[in-house]
Amino acid sequence: MNKPYVPGAPTLDILIDGVGSVATRGRIYRYIARWSDKETWGNDIPPLEGEAVNIPSGRQLLVDVPSTPLLAFVLVEGALIFESEADVDSLRTFDTNYIMVNGGYLEIGTEDEPYLSKLVITMHGDVKTPYLPVFGNKVLAVRFGELQMHGKPRSHVWTDLKLTADAGATSITLNDVSQTLDWAMGEDIIIATTDYDGHHAE
């Protein structure tokens, strides 16, 4: 499958003696460690609740379990990859207080191969939770890294309100859109604040 380059990823060159490099047709091959594999964790059990996880540079970690315990901290210096399941109704959950992509790579689907099943990443914490300097708390932070997040292609992922939606309103009026919205029953619509006061955002 076509994948973007991952900083610090091990590379593989395949040569045929007297012929030259093998044509890979733009595909990138990775050495992947699976979350569910004991060898990933030094032949020990996977991380337990309250523990921190460090993915060092050069390590590609695939989350292939349906859920994780609530982790204290996830530091991504290599790559953390969530791959879509064949069953689009399959749900995976990932719970942590912080995710810090520090020079690494976090992938939840790519533009060529979007994540089509269900994934819920829950960041835990409150106003009293310790802050990461600059980034804050209860955060997915990216510092000199890359975040790829691509879900099911939609007609619109955002639009504007034509009229103000007052607190408690049961309907909203949108600005004109160029094509029919494909929003479906049961989906959530998030209405963001229009100012820069963090206390006004939900």
C-alpha atoms as a PDB file:
ATOM      1  CA  MET A   1       0.000   0.000   0.000  1.00  0.00           C
ATOM      2  CA  ASN A   2       1.133   3.560  -0.645  1.00  0.00           C
ATOM      3  CA  LYS A   3       2.290   5.268   2.538  1.00  0.00           C
ATOM      4  CA  PRO A   4       3.927   8.642   3.150  1.00  0.00           C
ATOM      5  CA  TYR A   5       7.523   8.791   4.292  1.00  0.00           C
ATOM      6  CA  VAL A   6       7.926   8.406   8.033  1.00  0.00           C
ATOM      7  CA  PRO A   7      10.746  10.393   9.688  1.00  0.00           C
ATOM      8  CA  GLY A   8      13.343   8.032  11.123  1.00  0.00           C
ATOM      9  CA  ALA A   9      11.779   4.990   9.460  1.00  0.00           C
ATOM     10  CA  PRO A  10      14.069   2.098   8.491  1.00  0.00           C
ATOM     11  CA  THR A  11      14.436   1.895   4.720  1.00  0.00           C
ATOM     12  CA  LEU A  12      14.892  -1.122   2.477  1.00  0.00           C
ATOM     13  CA  ASP A  13      16.714  -1.139  -0.864  1.00  0.00           C
ATOM     14  CA  ILE A  14      16.249  -4.267  -3.009  1.00  0.00           C
ATOM     15  CA  LEU A  15      18.886  -4.862  -5.668  1.00  0.00           C
ATOM     16  CA  ILE A  16      19.128  -7.605  -8.299  1.00  0.00           C
ATOM     17  CA  ASP A  17      22.757  -8.331  -9.134  1.00  0.00           C
ATOM     18  CA  GLY A  18      23.617  -7.026 -12.572  1.00  0.00           C
ATOM     19  CA  VAL A  19      20.135  -5.558 -13.089  1.00  0.00           C
ATOM     20  CA  GLY A  20      19.709  -2.812 -10.508  1.00  0.00           C
ATOM     21  CA  SER A  21      17.020  -1.674  -8.135  1.00  0.00           C
ATOM     22  CA  VAL A  22      13.691  -3.451  -7.949  1.00  0.00           C
ATOM     23  CA  ALA A  23      10.741  -1.278  -9.041  1.00  0.00           C
ATOM     24  CA  THR A  24       8.517  -0.651  -6.017  1.00  0.00           C
ATOM     25  CA  ARG A  25       5.974   1.485  -7.929  1.00  0.00           C
ATOM     26  CA  GLY A  26       6.078   4.173  -5.275  1.00  0.00           C
ATOM     27  CA  ARG A  27       5.308   1.832  -2.392  1.00  0.00           C
ATOM     28  CA  ILE A  28       7.099   2.193   0.930  1.00  0.00           C
ATOM     29  CA  TYR A  29       7.786  -0.920   3.004  1.00  0.00           C
ATOM     30  CA  ARG A  30       8.011  -0.721   6.773  1.00  0.00           C
ATOM     31  CA  TYR A  31       9.061  -3.019   9.578  1.00  0.00           C
ATOM     32  CA  ILE A  32       5.986  -2.900  11.815  1.00  0.00           C
ATOM     33  CA  ALA A  33       5.647  -3.932  15.458  1.00  0.00           C
ATOM     34  CA  ARG A  34       2.127  -4.848  16.622  1.00  0.00           C
ATOM     35  CA  TRP A  35       0.661  -3.617  19.905  1.00  0.00           C
ATOM     36  CA  SER A  36      -0.737  -7.111  20.551  1.00  0.00           C
ATOM     37  CA  ASP A  37       2.637  -8.839  20.104  1.00  0.00           C
ATOM     38  CA  LYS A  38       4.563  -9.636  23.317  1.00  0.00           C
ATOM     39  CA  GLU A  39       7.859  -9.188  21.469  1.00  0.00           C
ATOM     40  CA  THR A  40       6.978  -5.525  20.919  1.00  0.00           C
ATOM     41  CA  TRP A  41       7.187  -5.075  24.706  1.00  0.00           C
ATOM     42  CA  GLY A  42      10.364  -7.106  25.331  1.00  0.00           C
ATOM     43  CA  ASN A  43       8.451 -10.401  25.535  1.00  0.00           C
ATOM     44  CA  ASP A  44       6.335  -8.947  28.326  1.00  0.00           C
ATOM     45  CA  ILE A  45       2.683  -7.895  28.614  1.00  0.00           C
ATOM     46  CA  PRO A  46       1.476  -4.732  26.808  1.00  0.00           C
ATOM     47  CA  PRO A  47       1.264  -1.484  28.800  1.00  0.00           C
ATOM     48  CA  LEU A  48      -1.098  -1.403  31.771  1.00  0.00           C
ATOM     49  CA  GLU A  49      -3.353   1.374  33.023  1.00  0.00           C
ATOM     50  CA  GLY A  50      -1.426   4.407  34.238  1.00  0.00           C
ATOM     51  CA  GLU A  51       1.781   3.506  32.404  1.00  0.00           C
ATOM     52  CA  ALA A  52       3.572   5.639  29.817  1.00  0.00           C
ATOM     53  CA  VAL A  53       4.511   4.472  26.322  1.00  0.00           C
ATOM     54  CA  ASN A  54       7.578   5.634  24.397  1.00  0.00           C
ATOM     55  CA  ILE A  55       7.838   4.839  20.682  1.00  0.00           C
ATOM     56  CA  PRO A  56      11.487   5.578  19.840  1.00  0.00           C
ATOM     57  CA  SER A  57      12.766   6.824  16.504  1.00  0.00           C
ATOM     58  CA  GLY A  58      12.880   3.954  14.006  1.00  0.00           C
ATOM     59  CA  ARG A  59      10.086   1.975  15.686  1.00  0.00           C
ATOM     60  CA  GLN A  60       6.788   1.653  13.787  1.00  0.00           C
ATOM     61  CA  LEU A  61       3.967   0.620  16.142  1.00  0.00           C
ATOM     62  CA  LEU A  62       0.627  -0.598  14.778  1.00  0.00           C
ATOM     63  CA  VAL A  63      -2.352  -0.410  17.145  1.00  0.00           C
ATOM     64  CA  ASP A  64      -4.128  -3.699  16.353  1.00  0.00           C
ATOM     65  CA  VAL A  65      -6.093  -4.165  19.604  1.00  0.00           C
ATOM     66  CA  PRO A  66      -9.754  -3.176  20.057  1.00  0.00           C
ATOM     67  CA  SER A  67      -8.964  -0.999  23.099  1.00  0.00           C
ATOM     68  CA  THR A  68      -6.120   0.159  25.310  1.00  0.00           C
ATOM     69  CA  PRO A  69      -6.063   0.884  29.035  1.00  0.00           C
ATOM     70  CA  LEU A  70      -5.962   4.528  30.129  1.00  0.00           C
ATOM     71  CA  LEU A  71      -2.318   5.448  29.574  1.00  0.00           C
ATOM     72  CA  ALA A  72      -0.559   8.282  31.375  1.00  0.00           C
ATOM     73  CA  PHE A  73       1.439   9.516  28.383  1.00  0.00           C
ATOM     74  CA  VAL A  74       2.287   8.450  24.821  1.00  0.00           C
ATOM     75  CA  LEU A  75       5.516   9.837  23.336  1.00  0.00           C
ATOM     76  CA  VAL A  76       5.835   9.258  19.574  1.00  0.00           C
ATOM     77  CA  GLU A  77       9.350   9.724  18.224  1.00  0.00           C
ATOM     78  CA  GLY A  78       8.958   6.915  15.694  1.00  0.00           C
ATOM     79  CA  ALA A  79       5.520   6.125  14.259  1.00  0.00           C
ATOM     80  CA  LEU A  80       2.133   5.285  15.787  1.00  0.00           C
ATOM     81  CA  ILE A  81      -0.229   3.840  13.186  1.00  0.00           C
ATOM     82  CA  PHE A  82      -3.950   3.099  13.321  1.00  0.00           C
ATOM     83  CA  GLU A  83      -5.077   0.944  10.406  1.00  0.00           C
ATOM     84  CA  SER A  84      -8.718   0.716   9.376  1.00  0.00           C
ATOM     85  CA  GLU A  85     -10.551  -2.579   9.912  1.00  0.00           C
ATOM     86  CA  ALA A  86     -12.276  -4.431   7.046  1.00  0.00           C
ATOM     87  CA  ASP A  87     -15.573  -4.132   8.952  1.00  0.00           C
ATOM     88  CA  VAL A  88     -16.565  -0.449   8.772  1.00  0.00           C
ATOM     89  CA  ASP A  89     -18.668  -0.873  11.940  1.00  0.00           C
ATOM     90  CA  SER A  90     -15.667  -2.132  13.930  1.00  0.00           C
ATOM     91  CA  LEU A  91     -14.842   0.225  16.833  1.00  0.00           C
ATOM     92  CA  ARG A  92     -11.366   0.769  18.289  1.00  0.00           C
ATOM     93  CA  THR A  93     -10.757   2.942  21.372  1.00  0.00           C
ATOM     94  CA  PHE A  94      -7.513   4.541  22.556  1.00  0.00           C
ATOM     95  CA  ASP A  95      -7.337   6.285  25.944  1.00  0.00           C
ATOM     96  CA  THR A  96      -4.569   8.493  27.292  1.00  0.00           C
ATOM     97  CA  ASN A  97      -3.892  11.785  29.068  1.00  0.00           C
ATOM     98  CA  TYR A  98      -1.449  13.101  26.474  1.00  0.00           C
ATOM     99  CA  ILE A  99      -0.073  12.162  23.065  1.00  0.00           C
ATOM    100  CA  MET A 100       3.138  13.974  22.118  1.00  0.00           C
ATOM    101  CA  VAL A 101       4.386  13.487  18.542  1.00  0.00           C
ATOM    102  CA  ASN A 102       7.952  14.718  18.963  1.00  0.00           C
ATOM    103  CA  GLY A 103       9.706  14.489  15.598  1.00  0.00           C
ATOM    104  CA  GLY A 104       7.653  11.368  14.858  1.00  0.00           C
ATOM    105  CA  TYR A 105       4.617  10.380  12.851  1.00  0.00           C
ATOM    106  CA  LEU A 106       1.001   9.613  13.771  1.00  0.00           C
ATOM    107  CA  GLU A 107      -1.203   8.038  11.129  1.00  0.00           C
ATOM    108  CA  ILE A 108      -4.969   7.519  11.218  1.00  0.00           C
ATOM    109  CA  GLY A 109      -5.583   6.745   7.557  1.00  0.00           C
ATOM    110  CA  THR A 110      -3.933   8.450   4.596  1.00  0.00           C
ATOM    111  CA  GLU A 111      -5.323  10.450   1.705  1.00  0.00           C
ATOM    112  CA  ASP A 112      -4.968   7.396  -0.562  1.00  0.00           C
ATOM    113  CA  GLU A 113      -6.243   4.925   2.055  1.00  0.00           C
ATOM    114  CA  PRO A 114      -8.543   6.705   4.540  1.00  0.00           C
ATOM    115  CA  TYR A 115      -9.556   5.219   7.883  1.00  0.00           C
ATOM    116  CA  LEU A 116     -13.044   3.831   7.202  1.00  0.00           C
ATOM    117  CA  SER A 117     -13.909   1.953  10.402  1.00  0.00           C
ATOM    118  CA  LYS A 118     -14.599   3.622  13.762  1.00  0.00           C
ATOM    119  CA  LEU A 119     -11.948   5.012  16.099  1.00  0.00           C
ATOM    120  CA  VAL A 120     -12.431   6.961  19.328  1.00  0.00           C
ATOM    121  CA  ILE A 121      -9.329   8.574  20.852  1.00  0.00           C
ATOM    122  CA  THR A 122     -10.183   9.981  24.289  1.00  0.00           C
ATOM    123  CA  MET A 123      -7.883  12.488  25.947  1.00  0.00           C
ATOM    124  CA  HIS A 124      -8.414  12.436  29.733  1.00  0.00           C
ATOM    125  CA  GLY A 125      -7.888  15.281  32.180  1.00  0.00           C
ATOM    126  CA  ASP A 126      -9.392  18.465  33.566  1.00  0.00           C
ATOM    127  CA  VAL A 127      -8.328  22.033  34.369  1.00  0.00           C
ATOM    128  CA  LYS A 128      -6.224  20.775  37.299  1.00  0.00           C
ATOM    129  CA  THR A 129      -4.277  18.219  35.224  1.00  0.00           C
ATOM    130  CA  PRO A 130      -0.569  19.168  34.846  1.00  0.00           C
ATOM    131  CA  TYR A 131       0.241  21.062  31.661  1.00  0.00           C
ATOM    132  CA  LEU A 132       2.816  20.192  29.037  1.00  0.00           C
ATOM    133  CA  PRO A 133       4.812  23.401  28.546  1.00  0.00           C
ATOM    134  CA  VAL A 134       3.502  25.337  25.519  1.00  0.00           C
ATOM    135  CA  PHE A 135       0.927  22.678  24.583  1.00  0.00           C
ATOM    136  CA  GLY A 136      -1.302  22.432  27.665  1.00  0.00           C
ATOM    137  CA  ASN A 137      -3.073  19.406  29.099  1.00  0.00           C
ATOM    138  CA  LYS A 138      -5.451  16.767  27.742  1.00  0.00           C
ATOM    139  CA  VAL A 139      -3.744  17.263  24.403  1.00  0.00           C
ATOM    140  CA  LEU A 140      -2.564  15.648  21.190  1.00  0.00           C
ATOM    141  CA  ALA A 141       0.554  17.717  20.476  1.00  0.00           C
ATOM    142  CA  VAL A 142       2.810  17.720  17.424  1.00  0.00           C
ATOM    143  CA  ARG A 143       6.351  19.121  17.635  1.00  0.00           C
ATOM    144  CA  PHE A 144       8.541  18.800  14.527  1.00  0.00           C
ATOM    145  CA  GLY A 145       6.455  15.768  13.554  1.00  0.00           C
ATOM    146  CA  GLU A 146       3.670  14.795  11.187  1.00  0.00           C
ATOM    147  CA  LEU A 147       0.004  13.991  11.763  1.00  0.00           C
ATOM    148  CA  GLN A 148      -1.967  12.210   9.032  1.00  0.00           C
ATOM    149  CA  MET A 149      -5.679  11.923   9.798  1.00  0.00           C
ATOM    150  CA  HIS A 150      -8.014  10.966   6.951  1.00  0.00           C
ATOM    151  CA  GLY A 151     -11.480   9.484   7.383  1.00  0.00           C
ATOM    152  CA  LYS A 152     -14.323   8.661   5.035  1.00  0.00           C
ATOM    153  CA  PRO A 153     -14.529  11.260   2.239  1.00  0.00           C
ATOM    154  CA  ARG A 154     -17.498  13.586   2.869  1.00  0.00           C
ATOM    155  CA  SER A 155     -19.251  16.235   0.804  1.00  0.00           C
ATOM    156  CA  HIS A 156     -18.479  18.808   3.543  1.00  0.00           C
ATOM    157  CA  VAL A 157     -16.389  18.546   6.673  1.00  0.00           C
ATOM    158  CA  TRP A 158     -17.305  22.089   7.723  1.00  0.00           C
ATOM    159  CA  THR A 159     -19.449  25.031   6.708  1.00  0.00           C
ATOM    160  CA  ASP A 160     -20.626  28.373   8.130  1.00  0.00           C
ATOM    161  CA  LEU A 161     -23.760  29.347   9.993  1.00  0.00           C
ATOM    162  CA  LYS A 162     -25.960  31.820   8.126  1.00  0.00           C
ATOM    163  CA  LEU A 163     -27.724  32.881  11.334  1.00  0.00           C
ATOM    164  CA  THR A 164     -26.541  32.896  14.942  1.00  0.00           C
ATOM    165  CA  ALA A 165     -27.455  29.733  16.851  1.00  0.00           C
ATOM    166  CA  ASP A 166     -28.590  30.730  20.313  1.00  0.00           C
ATOM    167  CA  ALA A 167     -28.059  28.516  23.351  1.00  0.00           C
ATOM    168  CA  GLY A 168     -30.689  25.777  23.400  1.00  0.00           C
ATOM    169  CA  ALA A 169     -31.581  26.164  19.705  1.00  0.00           C
ATOM    170  CA  THR A 170     -33.007  23.001  18.099  1.00  0.00           C
ATOM    171  CA  SER A 171     -32.224  23.976  14.501  1.00  0.00           C
ATOM    172  CA  ILE A 172     -29.481  25.785  12.615  1.00  0.00           C
ATOM    173  CA  THR A 173     -29.388  27.652   9.301  1.00  0.00           C
ATOM    174  CA  LEU A 174     -26.326  27.126   7.133  1.00  0.00           C
ATOM    175  CA  ASN A 175     -24.822  29.305   4.450  1.00  0.00           C
ATOM    176  CA  ASP A 176     -25.536  28.099   0.931  1.00  0.00           C
ATOM    177  CA  VAL A 177     -23.446  25.068  -0.057  1.00  0.00           C
ATOM    178  CA  SER A 178     -22.620  24.052  -3.597  1.00  0.00           C
ATOM    179  CA  GLN A 179     -23.855  20.457  -3.312  1.00  0.00           C
ATOM    180  CA  THR A 180     -26.137  18.335  -1.170  1.00  0.00           C
ATOM    181  CA  LEU A 181     -24.850  17.612   2.326  1.00  0.00           C
ATOM    182  CA  ASP A 182     -24.282  13.923   3.013  1.00  0.00           C
ATOM    183  CA  TRP A 183     -24.731  14.290   6.787  1.00  0.00           C
ATOM    184  CA  ALA A 184     -26.660  11.326   8.173  1.00  0.00           C
ATOM    185  CA  MET A 185     -29.039  10.683  11.064  1.00  0.00           C
ATOM    186  CA  GLY A 186     -27.204   9.994  14.329  1.00  0.00           C
ATOM    187  CA  GLU A 187     -24.049  11.925  13.437  1.00  0.00           C
ATOM    188  CA  ASP A 188     -22.743  14.746  15.637  1.00  0.00           C
ATOM    189  CA  ILE A 189     -22.486  18.367  14.510  1.00  0.00           C
ATOM    190  CA  ILE A 190     -19.964  20.491  16.407  1.00  0.00           C
ATOM    191  CA  ILE A 191     -20.542  24.262  16.486  1.00  0.00           C
ATOM    192  CA  ALA A 192     -17.287  26.010  17.336  1.00  0.00           C
ATOM    193  CA  THR A 193     -16.820  29.351  19.046  1.00  0.00           C
ATOM    194  CA  THR A 194     -16.263  32.417  16.876  1.00  0.00           C
ATOM    195  CA  ASP A 195     -13.818  34.106  19.238  1.00  0.00           C
ATOM    196  CA  TYR A 196     -10.467  33.259  20.828  1.00  0.00           C
ATOM    197  CA  ASP A 197     -11.552  32.751  24.440  1.00  0.00           C
ATOM    198  CA  GLY A 198     -10.809  29.117  25.288  1.00  0.00           C
ATOM    199  CA  HIS A 199     -13.552  29.146  27.919  1.00  0.00           C
ATOM    200  CA  HIS A 200     -16.141  29.668  25.169  1.00  0.00           C
ATOM    201  CA  ALA A 201     -15.202  26.483  23.272  1.00  0.00           C
ATOM    202  CA  GLU A 202     -16.737  23.083  23.861  1.00  0.00           C
END
